[in-house]
Amino acid sequence: MKVFITGGSGQVGSTAADMFLERGDTVMSLDNFATGRRDNLLDKDGLTQVEGSITDGKLLDQLFSEFKPDVVVHTAASYKDPEDWETDAFVNAVGGANVAKSCKTHKVGRLIYFQTALCYGTKPLQQPIQLDHPINPVNSSYAISKTAGEHYVQFSGVDWVTFRLANVIGPRNVSGPLPIFYGRLAEGKKCFVTPARRDFCFAGDLAKVVVQAADGKGNGTYHFSSGKDVAIKELYDAVVKAMKLNDYPEPEVKPLGPDDAPSILLDPSRTFADFGDVTFTPLEEIARLSVERWEKEGVVGGYTHLKEARADIKTASKA
């Protein structure tokens, strides 16, 4: 099978690419390395890497024409600056439209898309959130633009699967609290947490389901979620344990920002029904694997699409 992966050097894209390659598939990766790490996806048989952007529709058409993919796994996204609306819109909405249109033009067999759970807004009407919950991405440029991209996927007429995601983390994670906690603790700096609860899922577990979807399993929209959430403080404690820190600063507890949600818990019932038993790696094991890599290779990123969290991190970094 020929698999074209956008954002192939990012966390999810590179993890899925490794799995496709390990079983003998042919993979083409497109990444502009805005957030993807070059060392996430190393050269190997069956892999072609292209540096470029999904915002370049002509490039996409050229690559699709040459590679002739059976499946497209669209993981590329802009998310690292909550105030950069233009880049979010250009990459996530226009880029998403480019990918969907190229899939239609070149008769790709299946398009797999990834959507943020913030598409439901920061004050969901139910917990856990059902798939028929109203779409309301009004508090986040990232969510607004990713929702536009999802609409283009649905509009394309291509056979598609969308995974609306819980918080996906792991050793290749460059955004959110996991790399931020590690980076600050490694420098002896204080961290902060909020009362928020999240469902932290391992990128490798998601990639296994993506491979199944590429093989034709499922159709339409799914939640990728364990169905259980934990306090952000529990992730912090898992990182502390993985780093084997005996002397560390207790995190400051800050209130939720206006663009953050107390809890985002997704109902995964349809996913379990269509994809079978999904393995979910324990939080402490995810932290251990992540710390193990970062102690050897360093951590990069520490991005967040939450405005107040980003401001707090910048302020704390100057302290």
Protein backbone atom coordinates (compact mmCIF):
# COMPACT_ATOMS: atom_id res chain seq x y z
CA MET A 1 0.00 0.00 0.00
CA LYS A 2 1.16 3.54 -0.77
CA VAL A 3 0.58 5.95 2.12
CA PHE A 4 1.04 9.72 1.83
CA ILE A 5 1.46 11.40 5.23
CA THR A 6 1.27 15.15 5.74
CA GLY A 7 3.18 16.29 8.81
CA GLY A 8 5.18 13.09 8.56
CA SER A 9 7.87 14.30 10.97
CA GLY A 10 5.39 15.29 13.65
CA GLN A 11 4.36 13.18 16.61
CA VAL A 12 1.42 11.29 15.08
CA GLY A 13 2.63 11.35 11.49
CA SER A 14 6.07 9.91 12.21
CA THR A 15 4.72 7.28 14.60
CA ALA A 16 2.22 6.10 12.00
CA ALA A 17 4.89 6.22 9.27
CA ASP A 18 7.14 3.92 11.29
CA MET A 19 4.30 1.41 11.64
CA PHE A 20 3.45 1.46 7.94
CA LEU A 21 7.11 1.03 7.00
CA GLU A 22 7.65 -1.80 9.47
CA ARG A 23 4.99 -3.87 7.76
CA GLY A 24 6.32 -3.16 4.26
CA ASP A 25 4.15 -0.29 3.02
CA THR A 26 5.59 2.53 0.91
CA VAL A 27 5.41 5.97 2.54
CA MET A 28 5.84 9.52 1.27
CA SER A 29 6.11 12.17 4.00
CA LEU A 30 5.53 15.89 3.46
CA ASP A 31 6.59 18.25 6.24
CA ASN A 32 7.77 21.87 6.47
CA PHE A 33 9.37 21.24 9.89
CA ALA A 34 7.59 24.14 11.56
CA THR A 35 7.06 21.83 14.54
CA GLY A 36 8.13 18.41 13.28
CA ARG A 37 11.53 17.06 14.33
CA ARG A 38 13.82 15.83 11.58
CA ASP A 39 15.05 13.03 13.82
CA ASN A 40 11.51 11.69 14.32
CA LEU A 41 11.53 10.05 10.90
CA LEU A 42 14.84 8.61 9.75
CA ASP A 43 15.62 7.52 6.19
CA LYS A 44 14.84 3.88 5.50
CA ASP A 45 13.72 1.60 2.68
CA GLY A 46 10.27 2.46 1.38
CA LEU A 47 10.33 6.07 2.64
CA THR A 48 10.47 9.27 0.59
CA GLN A 49 10.67 12.55 2.51
CA VAL A 50 9.73 15.87 0.93
CA GLU A 51 10.20 19.26 2.58
CA GLY A 52 7.26 21.48 1.75
CA SER A 53 3.87 22.74 2.84
CA ILE A 54 0.28 21.64 2.34
CA THR A 55 -0.46 25.29 1.55
CA ASP A 56 1.27 24.69 -1.80
CA GLY A 57 -1.53 23.15 -3.84
CA LYS A 58 0.63 22.75 -6.95
CA LEU A 59 3.22 20.80 -4.97
CA LEU A 60 0.53 18.51 -3.57
CA ASP A 61 -0.85 17.80 -7.04
CA GLN A 62 2.64 17.08 -8.34
CA LEU A 63 3.43 14.69 -5.49
CA PHE A 64 0.08 12.92 -5.73
CA SER A 65 0.51 12.54 -9.48
CA GLU A 66 3.97 11.01 -9.05
CA PHE A 67 3.37 8.89 -5.94
CA LYS A 68 -0.24 7.84 -6.61
CA PRO A 69 -1.17 7.21 -2.95
CA ASP A 70 -3.81 4.69 -1.95
CA VAL A 71 -4.35 6.41 1.40
CA VAL A 72 -3.61 9.91 2.71
CA VAL A 73 -3.02 10.44 6.44
CA HIS A 74 -3.38 14.17 7.04
CA THR A 75 -1.68 15.07 10.34
CA ALA A 76 -0.08 18.41 9.37
CA ALA A 77 -1.40 21.36 11.37
CA SER A 78 -0.56 24.82 12.68
CA TYR A 79 -1.03 25.17 16.43
CA LYS A 80 2.00 26.70 18.09
CA ASP A 81 0.82 30.32 18.44
CA PRO A 82 -2.77 31.02 19.55
CA GLU A 83 -2.51 34.61 18.28
CA ASP A 84 -1.34 33.68 14.78
CA TRP A 85 -4.78 33.37 13.24
CA GLU A 86 -3.49 33.89 9.71
CA THR A 87 -1.14 30.91 9.81
CA ASP A 88 -3.77 28.72 11.48
CA ALA A 89 -6.28 29.61 8.76
CA PHE A 90 -3.77 29.23 5.94
CA VAL A 91 -2.38 25.88 7.07
CA ASN A 92 -5.37 24.22 8.70
CA ALA A 93 -8.22 25.54 6.54
CA VAL A 94 -6.61 26.31 3.16
CA GLY A 95 -4.05 23.53 3.54
CA GLY A 96 -6.79 21.14 4.58
CA ALA A 97 -8.82 22.14 1.53
CA ASN A 98 -5.77 21.57 -0.68
CA VAL A 99 -5.25 18.07 0.71
CA ALA A 100 -8.94 17.16 0.35
CA LYS A 101 -9.12 18.52 -3.20
CA SER A 102 -5.95 16.70 -4.26
CA CYS A 103 -7.40 13.48 -2.84
CA LYS A 104 -10.53 14.01 -4.94
CA THR A 105 -8.62 14.96 -8.09
CA HIS A 106 -6.28 12.00 -7.89
CA LYS A 107 -8.94 9.51 -6.76
CA VAL A 108 -7.27 8.59 -3.47
CA GLY A 109 -8.91 5.59 -1.85
CA ARG A 110 -9.19 7.02 1.67
CA LEU A 111 -8.38 10.24 3.54
CA ILE A 112 -7.73 10.09 7.30
CA TYR A 113 -8.11 13.38 9.19
CA PHE A 114 -7.47 14.51 12.77
CA GLN A 115 -9.59 17.04 14.62
CA THR A 116 -9.22 18.71 18.01
CA ALA A 117 -11.77 18.02 20.74
CA LEU A 118 -11.97 21.81 21.14
CA CYS A 119 -14.29 21.70 18.12
CA TYR A 120 -17.00 21.20 20.77
CA GLY A 121 -16.06 24.40 22.59
CA THR A 122 -14.70 24.96 26.07
CA LYS A 123 -18.07 24.44 27.76
CA PRO A 124 -19.43 21.20 26.33
CA LEU A 125 -23.07 20.41 27.03
CA GLN A 126 -22.35 16.85 28.15
CA GLN A 127 -19.66 14.68 29.71
CA PRO A 128 -18.56 12.49 28.13
CA ILE A 129 -19.07 14.29 24.82
CA GLN A 130 -21.08 12.33 22.26
CA LEU A 131 -20.38 12.40 18.52
CA ASP A 132 -23.64 14.26 17.88
CA HIS A 133 -22.69 17.11 20.23
CA PRO A 134 -23.02 20.50 18.45
CA ILE A 135 -19.83 21.82 16.87
CA ASN A 136 -18.89 25.11 18.54
CA PRO A 137 -15.17 25.98 18.14
CA VAL A 138 -15.55 29.62 19.15
CA ASN A 139 -12.74 29.95 21.72
CA SER A 140 -9.75 28.84 19.67
CA SER A 141 -8.23 29.86 16.34
CA TYR A 142 -6.78 26.37 16.14
CA ALA A 143 -10.19 24.74 16.62
CA ILE A 144 -11.93 27.09 14.18
CA SER A 145 -9.40 26.41 11.43
CA LYS A 146 -9.25 22.65 12.07
CA THR A 147 -13.05 22.51 11.90
CA ALA A 148 -12.95 24.27 8.53
CA GLY A 149 -10.46 21.65 7.35
CA GLU A 150 -12.74 18.87 8.57
CA HIS A 151 -15.64 20.34 6.61
CA TYR A 152 -13.54 20.30 3.43
CA VAL A 153 -12.73 16.64 4.02
CA GLN A 154 -16.44 15.84 4.34
CA PHE A 155 -17.22 18.01 1.30
CA SER A 156 -14.65 16.29 -0.91
CA GLY A 157 -16.64 13.16 -1.67
CA VAL A 158 -13.57 11.06 -0.87
CA ASP A 159 -13.96 8.07 1.47
CA TRP A 160 -12.84 9.54 4.79
CA VAL A 161 -12.30 8.86 8.47
CA THR A 162 -11.93 11.63 11.06
CA PHE A 163 -10.52 11.08 14.53
CA ARG A 164 -11.49 13.76 17.04
CA LEU A 165 -8.75 13.48 19.58
CA ALA A 166 -8.20 13.43 23.29
CA ASN A 167 -4.79 14.80 24.35
CA VAL A 168 -2.29 12.72 22.39
CA ILE A 169 1.18 12.66 23.96
CA GLY A 170 4.44 10.74 23.88
CA PRO A 171 8.21 11.01 23.32
CA ARG A 172 7.70 12.96 20.06
CA ASN A 173 5.31 15.44 21.68
CA VAL A 174 6.27 19.12 21.26
CA SER A 175 3.13 20.81 22.60
CA GLY A 176 1.13 20.89 25.80
CA PRO A 177 2.05 20.15 29.40
CA LEU A 178 4.20 17.02 29.01
CA PRO A 179 7.25 18.58 27.28
CA ILE A 180 6.74 21.82 29.20
CA PHE A 181 6.86 20.03 32.56
CA TYR A 182 9.98 18.09 31.57
CA GLY A 183 11.78 21.12 30.15
CA ARG A 184 11.15 23.30 33.18
CA LEU A 185 11.89 20.59 35.75
CA ALA A 186 15.13 19.73 33.96
CA GLU A 187 16.18 23.36 34.44
CA GLY A 188 15.04 23.44 38.08
CA LYS A 189 12.21 25.83 37.27
CA LYS A 190 8.77 25.90 38.81
CA CYS A 191 5.74 24.68 36.88
CA PHE A 192 2.07 25.51 37.16
CA VAL A 193 -1.03 23.39 36.77
CA THR A 194 -4.73 24.19 36.49
CA PRO A 195 -7.74 22.30 37.87
CA ALA A 196 -8.39 20.97 34.36
CA ARG A 197 -8.78 17.27 33.68
CA ARG A 198 -7.72 15.62 30.43
CA ASP A 199 -7.61 12.21 28.79
CA PHE A 200 -3.94 11.68 27.90
CA CYS A 201 -3.51 9.03 25.20
CA PHE A 202 -0.28 7.63 23.77
CA ALA A 203 0.59 8.51 20.16
CA GLY A 204 1.59 4.92 19.51
CA ASP A 205 -1.86 3.69 20.51
CA LEU A 206 -3.49 6.17 18.12
CA ALA A 207 -1.14 5.16 15.30
CA LYS A 208 -2.25 1.53 15.61
CA VAL A 209 -5.85 2.58 15.02
CA VAL A 210 -4.77 4.80 12.11
CA VAL A 211 -3.17 1.78 10.43
CA GLN A 212 -6.45 -0.11 10.82
CA ALA A 213 -8.33 2.81 9.27
CA ALA A 214 -5.87 2.87 6.37
CA ASP A 215 -6.66 -0.80 5.81
CA GLY A 216 -10.32 0.10 5.38
CA LYS A 217 -11.73 -0.33 8.86
CA GLY A 218 -14.37 2.17 9.98
CA ASN A 219 -15.91 5.14 8.20
CA GLY A 220 -16.94 8.65 9.18
CA THR A 221 -16.24 10.33 12.50
CA TYR A 222 -14.73 8.79 15.64
CA HIS A 223 -13.45 9.86 19.03
CA PHE A 224 -9.99 8.62 19.93
CA SER A 225 -10.19 8.55 23.70
CA SER A 226 -9.84 6.09 26.55
CA GLY A 227 -13.05 7.46 28.04
CA LYS A 228 -11.26 8.36 31.29
CA ASP A 229 -9.68 11.63 32.37
CA VAL A 230 -7.09 12.59 34.98
CA ALA A 231 -6.03 15.81 36.67
CA ILE A 232 -3.18 17.74 35.03
CA LYS A 233 -1.37 17.36 38.37
CA GLU A 234 -1.29 13.58 37.80
CA LEU A 235 0.66 14.10 34.58
CA TYR A 236 3.05 16.38 36.47
CA ASP A 237 3.55 13.72 39.14
CA ALA A 238 4.19 11.09 36.45
CA VAL A 239 6.92 13.26 34.91
CA VAL A 240 8.51 13.86 38.33
CA LYS A 241 8.52 10.11 38.98
CA ALA A 242 10.00 9.34 35.55
CA MET A 243 12.76 11.91 36.14
CA LYS A 244 13.44 10.34 39.57
CA LEU A 245 13.38 13.73 41.26
CA ASN A 246 13.57 13.71 45.03
CA ASP A 247 13.74 17.48 45.42
CA TYR A 248 11.42 19.40 43.13
CA PRO A 249 9.18 22.46 43.37
CA GLU A 250 5.48 21.88 43.94
CA PRO A 251 3.52 23.32 41.01
CA GLU A 252 1.54 26.51 41.43
CA VAL A 253 -2.19 26.00 40.90
CA LYS A 254 -3.67 28.62 38.57
CA PRO A 255 -7.29 29.14 37.54
CA LEU A 256 -8.49 28.09 34.12
CA GLY A 257 -8.11 30.61 31.33
CA PRO A 258 -11.13 31.71 29.26
CA ASP A 259 -10.03 29.54 26.31
CA ASP A 260 -9.48 26.42 28.44
CA ALA A 261 -12.04 23.79 29.44
CA PRO A 262 -12.44 22.19 32.90
CA SER A 263 -12.74 18.78 31.26
CA ILE A 264 -12.76 17.43 27.73
CA LEU A 265 -13.83 13.82 27.91
CA LEU A 266 -14.90 12.09 24.71
CA ASP A 267 -17.19 9.08 24.40
CA PRO A 268 -15.20 6.40 22.49
CA SER A 269 -18.05 3.89 22.15
CA ARG A 270 -18.19 3.96 18.34
CA THR A 271 -14.41 3.60 18.11
CA PHE A 272 -14.43 0.53 20.33
CA ALA A 273 -17.35 -0.95 18.38
CA ASP A 274 -15.69 -0.53 14.97
CA PHE A 275 -12.00 -0.94 15.80
CA GLY A 276 -12.24 -3.51 18.57
CA ASP A 277 -10.25 -3.48 21.78
CA VAL A 278 -7.92 -0.47 21.73
CA THR A 279 -4.84 -0.64 23.93
CA PHE A 280 -4.19 2.44 26.08
CA THR A 281 -0.70 2.81 27.52
CA PRO A 282 -0.68 3.87 31.22
CA LEU A 283 0.21 7.49 31.97
CA GLU A 284 3.32 6.63 33.97
CA GLU A 285 4.65 4.51 31.10
CA ILE A 286 4.07 7.34 28.61
CA ALA A 287 5.99 9.70 30.91
CA ARG A 288 8.80 7.16 31.33
CA LEU A 289 9.23 6.66 27.58
CA SER A 290 9.14 10.41 26.97
CA VAL A 291 11.67 11.26 29.68
CA GLU A 292 13.92 8.45 28.47
CA ARG A 293 14.14 10.02 25.01
CA TRP A 294 14.43 13.62 26.18
CA GLU A 295 17.26 12.82 28.61
CA LYS A 296 19.24 11.50 25.63
CA GLU A 297 18.20 13.87 22.86
CA GLY A 298 16.73 16.93 24.54
CA VAL A 299 13.21 18.29 24.40
CA VAL A 300 11.98 20.84 21.87
CA GLY A 301 8.81 22.85 21.50
CA GLY A 302 6.72 23.35 24.59
CA TYR A 303 4.05 25.00 22.46
CA THR A 304 0.48 25.59 23.55
CA HIS A 305 -2.55 26.89 21.65
CA LEU A 306 -4.00 28.28 24.92
CA LYS A 307 -3.49 32.05 25.18
CA GLU A 308 -3.18 32.48 28.95
CA ALA A 309 -1.09 29.35 29.38
CA ARG A 310 1.34 30.66 26.77
CA ALA A 311 1.53 34.03 28.49
CA ASP A 312 2.10 32.38 31.88
CA ILE A 313 4.90 30.22 30.46
CA LYS A 314 6.61 33.26 28.95
CA THR A 315 6.32 35.18 32.23
CA ALA A 316 7.64 32.25 34.25
CA SER A 317 10.55 31.77 31.86
CA LYS A 318 11.75 35.31 32.56
CA ALA A 319 11.68 34.74 36.30
